[in-house]
Amino acid sequence: MEKRFALMKSEYGVAPVYLKKPARVAALLHLYFIAIMCSSLIERQVRMTMKARGLESVAILPEGRATKSPTTPRILEVFADVRWYEFHENGRSVAFPVTLDDTQKLLFDLLGVPHTAYA
């Protein structure tokens, strides 16, 4: 648990917040808990699927280096440059669909997310 809170401060940039009402403090702690839980579940899903498929590592570190234990910040970093563009003009809309590279497709497979969700 301590490692997860350390990640909140370092990787996710959570800063101190000064709240006066106890209900707001409880709400913020609840949000932190949800964020930590989501982060843990992402890592768990990727690592379990890697193990089930016999994948030794995935190349998601800087310079394309591989890691045996991918972390949520590194997983999310892979998707940092994914963009969706859509233009509306005179009642028409033109969309430029998202294109995923091989690493992004692999991570979606490991997470159980269909590619069609981002096509």
N, C-alpha and C. Protein backbone atom coordinates (compact mmCIF):
# COMPACT_ATOMS: atom_id res chain seq x y z
N MET A 1 0.83 -1.18 0.00
CA MET A 1 0.00 0.00 0.00
C MET A 1 0.88 1.25 0.00
N GLU A 2 1.96 1.20 0.74
CA GLU A 2 2.86 2.36 0.81
C GLU A 2 3.45 2.66 -0.56
N LYS A 3 3.79 1.61 -1.31
CA LYS A 3 4.33 1.80 -2.66
C LYS A 3 3.31 2.48 -3.56
N ARG A 4 2.05 2.12 -3.42
CA ARG A 4 0.99 2.73 -4.24
C ARG A 4 0.85 4.22 -3.93
N PHE A 5 0.91 4.60 -2.66
CA PHE A 5 0.82 6.01 -2.32
C PHE A 5 2.06 6.77 -2.79
N ALA A 6 3.21 6.12 -2.78
CA ALA A 6 4.41 6.76 -3.31
C ALA A 6 4.25 7.05 -4.80
N LEU A 7 3.64 6.11 -5.53
CA LEU A 7 3.37 6.33 -6.95
C LEU A 7 2.41 7.49 -7.16
N MET A 8 1.43 7.63 -6.28
CA MET A 8 0.49 8.74 -6.41
C MET A 8 1.22 10.07 -6.36
N LYS A 9 2.20 10.17 -5.47
CA LYS A 9 2.92 11.43 -5.31
C LYS A 9 3.94 11.65 -6.42
N SER A 10 4.63 10.59 -6.83
CA SER A 10 5.70 10.76 -7.81
C SER A 10 5.21 10.69 -9.25
N GLU A 11 4.65 9.57 -9.65
CA GLU A 11 4.25 9.37 -11.05
C GLU A 11 3.03 10.18 -11.44
N TYR A 12 2.04 10.26 -10.55
CA TYR A 12 0.79 10.92 -10.91
C TYR A 12 0.75 12.38 -10.48
N GLY A 13 1.73 12.84 -9.73
CA GLY A 13 1.83 14.25 -9.39
C GLY A 13 0.77 14.76 -8.43
N VAL A 14 0.28 13.91 -7.56
CA VAL A 14 -0.72 14.35 -6.58
C VAL A 14 -0.01 15.21 -5.55
N ALA A 15 -0.53 16.40 -5.33
CA ALA A 15 0.08 17.36 -4.41
C ALA A 15 -0.80 17.50 -3.16
N PRO A 16 -0.25 18.07 -2.10
CA PRO A 16 -1.07 18.29 -0.90
C PRO A 16 -2.27 19.18 -1.19
N VAL A 17 -3.37 18.84 -0.55
CA VAL A 17 -4.61 19.61 -0.68
C VAL A 17 -5.09 19.92 0.73
N TYR A 18 -5.45 21.15 0.95
CA TYR A 18 -5.91 21.57 2.28
C TYR A 18 -7.43 21.74 2.25
N LEU A 19 -8.11 20.87 2.97
CA LEU A 19 -9.57 20.89 3.01
C LEU A 19 -10.03 21.15 4.43
N LYS A 20 -11.13 21.86 4.58
CA LYS A 20 -11.63 22.20 5.91
C LYS A 20 -12.68 21.22 6.40
N LYS A 21 -13.51 20.73 5.51
CA LYS A 21 -14.62 19.89 5.92
C LYS A 21 -14.23 18.41 5.89
N PRO A 22 -14.53 17.67 6.95
CA PRO A 22 -14.20 16.24 7.00
C PRO A 22 -14.80 15.43 5.86
N ALA A 23 -15.98 15.82 5.39
CA ALA A 23 -16.61 15.09 4.29
C ALA A 23 -15.78 15.21 3.01
N ARG A 24 -15.18 16.36 2.80
CA ARG A 24 -14.34 16.55 1.61
C ARG A 24 -13.04 15.75 1.72
N VAL A 25 -12.49 15.67 2.91
CA VAL A 25 -11.29 14.86 3.13
C VAL A 25 -11.61 13.39 2.84
N ALA A 26 -12.74 12.91 3.36
CA ALA A 26 -13.15 11.53 3.12
C ALA A 26 -13.38 11.27 1.63
N ALA A 27 -13.99 12.23 0.95
CA ALA A 27 -14.24 12.08 -0.49
C ALA A 27 -12.93 12.01 -1.27
N LEU A 28 -11.98 12.86 -0.91
CA LEU A 28 -10.69 12.86 -1.60
C LEU A 28 -9.94 11.56 -1.34
N LEU A 29 -9.96 11.07 -0.11
CA LEU A 29 -9.33 9.78 0.19
C LEU A 29 -10.00 8.65 -0.58
N HIS A 30 -11.30 8.73 -0.74
CA HIS A 30 -12.01 7.72 -1.52
C HIS A 30 -11.55 7.75 -2.98
N LEU A 31 -11.39 8.94 -3.54
CA LEU A 31 -10.90 9.06 -4.92
C LEU A 31 -9.48 8.52 -5.06
N TYR A 32 -8.63 8.81 -4.08
CA TYR A 32 -7.28 8.25 -4.10
C TYR A 32 -7.33 6.73 -4.09
N PHE A 33 -8.20 6.19 -3.24
CA PHE A 33 -8.33 4.73 -3.17
C PHE A 33 -8.77 4.15 -4.51
N ILE A 34 -9.75 4.78 -5.16
CA ILE A 34 -10.22 4.30 -6.46
C ILE A 34 -9.09 4.36 -7.49
N ALA A 35 -8.33 5.44 -7.49
CA ALA A 35 -7.21 5.58 -8.44
C ALA A 35 -6.15 4.51 -8.20
N ILE A 36 -5.82 4.26 -6.94
CA ILE A 36 -4.83 3.23 -6.61
C ILE A 36 -5.35 1.86 -7.01
N MET A 37 -6.61 1.60 -6.77
CA MET A 37 -7.20 0.31 -7.13
C MET A 37 -7.19 0.10 -8.64
N CYS A 38 -7.58 1.12 -9.40
CA CYS A 38 -7.56 1.01 -10.87
C CYS A 38 -6.15 0.75 -11.38
N SER A 39 -5.19 1.45 -10.81
CA SER A 39 -3.79 1.26 -11.19
C SER A 39 -3.35 -0.18 -10.92
N SER A 40 -3.70 -0.69 -9.76
CA SER A 40 -3.34 -2.07 -9.40
C SER A 40 -3.99 -3.08 -10.32
N LEU A 41 -5.25 -2.86 -10.65
CA LEU A 41 -5.97 -3.80 -11.51
C LEU A 41 -5.42 -3.81 -12.93
N ILE A 42 -5.01 -2.65 -13.43
CA ILE A 42 -4.38 -2.59 -14.76
C ILE A 42 -3.10 -3.42 -14.78
N GLU A 43 -2.24 -3.19 -13.79
CA GLU A 43 -0.99 -3.95 -13.71
C GLU A 43 -1.26 -5.44 -13.58
N ARG A 44 -2.18 -5.79 -12.72
CA ARG A 44 -2.50 -7.21 -12.48
C ARG A 44 -2.98 -7.88 -13.75
N GLN A 45 -3.89 -7.23 -14.48
CA GLN A 45 -4.43 -7.81 -15.70
C GLN A 45 -3.33 -8.03 -16.74
N VAL A 46 -2.49 -7.03 -16.94
CA VAL A 46 -1.42 -7.15 -17.93
C VAL A 46 -0.44 -8.26 -17.53
N ARG A 47 -0.04 -8.28 -16.28
CA ARG A 47 0.94 -9.28 -15.83
C ARG A 47 0.37 -10.70 -15.87
N MET A 48 -0.89 -10.85 -15.49
CA MET A 48 -1.50 -12.19 -15.52
C MET A 48 -1.66 -12.70 -16.95
N THR A 49 -2.06 -11.82 -17.86
CA THR A 49 -2.21 -12.22 -19.26
C THR A 49 -0.85 -12.53 -19.88
N MET A 50 0.18 -11.75 -19.51
CA MET A 50 1.54 -12.05 -19.99
C MET A 50 1.95 -13.45 -19.54
N LYS A 51 1.70 -13.76 -18.29
CA LYS A 51 2.07 -15.07 -17.76
C LYS A 51 1.29 -16.18 -18.46
N ALA A 52 -0.01 -15.97 -18.67
CA ALA A 52 -0.84 -16.99 -19.32
C ALA A 52 -0.41 -17.23 -20.76
N ARG A 53 0.07 -16.20 -21.44
CA ARG A 53 0.50 -16.33 -22.83
C ARG A 53 1.97 -16.69 -22.97
N GLY A 54 2.68 -16.76 -21.86
CA GLY A 54 4.09 -17.10 -21.91
C GLY A 54 4.98 -15.96 -22.39
N LEU A 55 4.51 -14.73 -22.27
CA LEU A 55 5.32 -13.58 -22.65
C LEU A 55 6.30 -13.26 -21.52
N GLU A 56 7.55 -13.23 -21.84
CA GLU A 56 8.58 -12.93 -20.84
C GLU A 56 8.60 -11.45 -20.47
N SER A 57 8.43 -10.58 -21.48
CA SER A 57 8.49 -9.14 -21.23
C SER A 57 7.78 -8.39 -22.36
N VAL A 58 7.54 -7.10 -22.11
CA VAL A 58 6.99 -6.21 -23.14
C VAL A 58 7.88 -4.97 -23.22
N ALA A 59 8.05 -4.46 -24.43
CA ALA A 59 8.95 -3.33 -24.66
C ALA A 59 8.19 -2.01 -24.51
N ILE A 60 8.04 -1.54 -23.27
CA ILE A 60 7.30 -0.29 -23.04
C ILE A 60 8.14 0.76 -22.32
N LEU A 61 9.37 0.44 -22.01
CA LEU A 61 10.24 1.40 -21.34
C LEU A 61 10.86 2.35 -22.37
N PRO A 62 11.43 3.47 -21.93
CA PRO A 62 12.09 4.37 -22.88
C PRO A 62 13.14 3.66 -23.73
N GLU A 63 13.33 4.14 -24.91
CA GLU A 63 14.23 3.56 -25.90
C GLU A 63 13.81 2.16 -26.33
N GLY A 64 12.56 1.80 -26.10
CA GLY A 64 12.07 0.49 -26.53
C GLY A 64 12.57 -0.67 -25.70
N ARG A 65 13.07 -0.39 -24.50
CA ARG A 65 13.55 -1.48 -23.64
C ARG A 65 12.38 -2.29 -23.10
N ALA A 66 12.65 -3.55 -22.82
CA ALA A 66 11.61 -4.45 -22.34
C ALA A 66 11.61 -4.51 -20.81
N THR A 67 10.45 -4.84 -20.26
CA THR A 67 10.33 -5.02 -18.82
C THR A 67 9.50 -6.27 -18.54
N LYS A 68 9.89 -6.98 -17.49
CA LYS A 68 9.16 -8.18 -17.08
C LYS A 68 7.95 -7.83 -16.23
N SER A 69 7.98 -6.66 -15.60
CA SER A 69 6.87 -6.26 -14.72
C SER A 69 6.42 -4.84 -15.08
N PRO A 70 5.54 -4.73 -16.08
CA PRO A 70 5.08 -3.41 -16.49
C PRO A 70 4.25 -2.72 -15.40
N THR A 71 4.47 -1.44 -15.24
CA THR A 71 3.71 -0.65 -14.27
C THR A 71 2.67 0.19 -15.00
N THR A 72 1.66 0.60 -14.28
CA THR A 72 0.59 1.38 -14.90
C THR A 72 1.09 2.68 -15.52
N PRO A 73 1.97 3.45 -14.85
CA PRO A 73 2.45 4.67 -15.51
C PRO A 73 3.13 4.40 -16.86
N ARG A 74 3.91 3.32 -16.95
CA ARG A 74 4.57 3.01 -18.22
C ARG A 74 3.55 2.53 -19.25
N ILE A 75 2.54 1.78 -18.81
CA ILE A 75 1.50 1.31 -19.73
C ILE A 75 0.74 2.50 -20.29
N LEU A 76 0.33 3.42 -19.44
CA LEU A 76 -0.42 4.59 -19.90
C LEU A 76 0.43 5.51 -20.76
N GLU A 77 1.73 5.55 -20.48
CA GLU A 77 2.65 6.38 -21.27
C GLU A 77 2.69 5.95 -22.73
N VAL A 78 2.50 4.66 -22.98
CA VAL A 78 2.50 4.14 -24.35
C VAL A 78 1.37 4.77 -25.17
N PHE A 79 0.28 5.15 -24.49
CA PHE A 79 -0.88 5.72 -25.18
C PHE A 79 -0.90 7.24 -25.15
N ALA A 80 0.17 7.87 -24.71
CA ALA A 80 0.19 9.32 -24.54
C ALA A 80 0.04 10.08 -25.86
N ASP A 81 0.48 9.51 -26.96
CA ASP A 81 0.41 10.22 -28.23
C ASP A 81 -0.79 9.83 -29.09
N VAL A 82 -1.70 9.02 -28.56
CA VAL A 82 -2.89 8.62 -29.31
C VAL A 82 -3.86 9.81 -29.35
N ARG A 83 -4.29 10.18 -30.56
CA ARG A 83 -5.17 11.32 -30.73
C ARG A 83 -6.35 10.96 -31.63
N TRP A 84 -7.47 11.58 -31.35
CA TRP A 84 -8.67 11.44 -32.17
C TRP A 84 -9.03 12.83 -32.68
N TYR A 85 -9.18 12.95 -33.98
CA TYR A 85 -9.55 14.24 -34.57
C TYR A 85 -10.89 14.11 -35.25
N GLU A 86 -11.75 15.08 -35.00
CA GLU A 86 -13.07 15.10 -35.63
C GLU A 86 -13.45 16.55 -35.90
N PHE A 87 -13.89 16.80 -37.13
CA PHE A 87 -14.27 18.14 -37.53
C PHE A 87 -15.74 18.16 -37.93
N HIS A 88 -16.42 19.22 -37.54
CA HIS A 88 -17.83 19.40 -37.90
C HIS A 88 -17.96 20.68 -38.73
N GLU A 89 -18.63 20.53 -39.88
CA GLU A 89 -18.82 21.69 -40.74
C GLU A 89 -20.10 21.50 -41.55
N ASN A 90 -20.97 22.48 -41.48
CA ASN A 90 -22.23 22.46 -42.24
C ASN A 90 -23.02 21.16 -42.04
N GLY A 91 -23.09 20.70 -40.81
CA GLY A 91 -23.86 19.49 -40.51
C GLY A 91 -23.16 18.19 -40.84
N ARG A 92 -21.98 18.27 -41.38
CA ARG A 92 -21.19 17.07 -41.70
C ARG A 92 -20.08 16.92 -40.68
N SER A 93 -19.71 15.70 -40.42
CA SER A 93 -18.54 15.49 -39.56
C SER A 93 -17.55 14.60 -40.28
N VAL A 94 -16.30 14.97 -40.16
CA VAL A 94 -15.21 14.20 -40.74
C VAL A 94 -14.31 13.77 -39.59
N ALA A 95 -14.05 12.47 -39.49
CA ALA A 95 -13.23 11.94 -38.40
C ALA A 95 -11.98 11.27 -38.97
N PHE A 96 -10.90 11.44 -38.28
CA PHE A 96 -9.66 10.76 -38.61
C PHE A 96 -9.44 9.72 -37.52
N PRO A 97 -9.65 8.46 -37.83
CA PRO A 97 -9.61 7.43 -36.79
C PRO A 97 -8.22 7.26 -36.18
N VAL A 98 -8.23 6.70 -35.00
CA VAL A 98 -6.99 6.45 -34.28
C VAL A 98 -6.26 5.28 -34.94
N THR A 99 -4.95 5.44 -35.10
CA THR A 99 -4.12 4.34 -35.57
C THR A 99 -3.23 3.90 -34.42
N LEU A 100 -3.21 2.61 -34.16
CA LEU A 100 -2.43 2.06 -33.05
C LEU A 100 -1.20 1.34 -33.59
N ASP A 101 -0.09 1.49 -32.88
CA ASP A 101 1.11 0.74 -33.27
C ASP A 101 1.04 -0.66 -32.64
N ASP A 102 2.04 -1.48 -32.94
CA ASP A 102 2.03 -2.87 -32.48
C ASP A 102 2.06 -2.99 -30.96
N THR A 103 2.82 -2.13 -30.29
CA THR A 103 2.90 -2.18 -28.83
C THR A 103 1.57 -1.82 -28.20
N GLN A 104 0.90 -0.81 -28.74
CA GLN A 104 -0.41 -0.41 -28.23
C GLN A 104 -1.43 -1.53 -28.43
N LYS A 105 -1.39 -2.17 -29.60
CA LYS A 105 -2.30 -3.29 -29.86
C LYS A 105 -2.03 -4.45 -28.91
N LEU A 106 -0.76 -4.71 -28.64
CA LEU A 106 -0.40 -5.79 -27.71
C LEU A 106 -0.93 -5.48 -26.32
N LEU A 107 -0.76 -4.24 -25.86
CA LEU A 107 -1.26 -3.88 -24.53
C LEU A 107 -2.78 -3.98 -24.46
N PHE A 108 -3.47 -3.58 -25.52
CA PHE A 108 -4.93 -3.74 -25.54
C PHE A 108 -5.30 -5.22 -25.44
N ASP A 109 -4.57 -6.07 -26.16
CA ASP A 109 -4.82 -7.51 -26.07
C ASP A 109 -4.59 -8.01 -24.65
N LEU A 110 -3.50 -7.57 -24.03
CA LEU A 110 -3.20 -8.01 -22.67
C LEU A 110 -4.24 -7.51 -21.67
N LEU A 111 -4.81 -6.34 -21.93
CA LEU A 111 -5.83 -5.78 -21.05
C LEU A 111 -7.23 -6.31 -21.35
N GLY A 112 -7.38 -6.97 -22.49
CA GLY A 112 -8.70 -7.48 -22.86
C GLY A 112 -9.59 -6.42 -23.47
N VAL A 113 -9.00 -5.37 -24.02
CA VAL A 113 -9.76 -4.29 -24.66
C VAL A 113 -9.76 -4.54 -26.17
N PRO A 114 -10.94 -4.61 -26.79
CA PRO A 114 -10.97 -4.84 -28.24
C PRO A 114 -10.44 -3.63 -29.02
N HIS A 115 -9.73 -3.90 -30.09
CA HIS A 115 -9.17 -2.81 -30.92
C HIS A 115 -10.28 -1.95 -31.51
N THR A 116 -11.43 -2.54 -31.74
CA THR A 116 -12.54 -1.80 -32.35
C THR A 116 -13.01 -0.66 -31.46
N ALA A 117 -12.70 -0.70 -30.19
CA ALA A 117 -13.08 0.40 -29.28
C ALA A 117 -12.35 1.69 -29.66
N TYR A 118 -11.23 1.58 -30.36
CA TYR A 118 -10.43 2.77 -30.73
C TYR A 118 -10.24 2.89 -32.22
N ALA A 119 -11.06 2.22 -33.01
CA ALA A 119 -10.91 2.29 -34.46
C ALA A 119 -11.85 3.31 -35.06
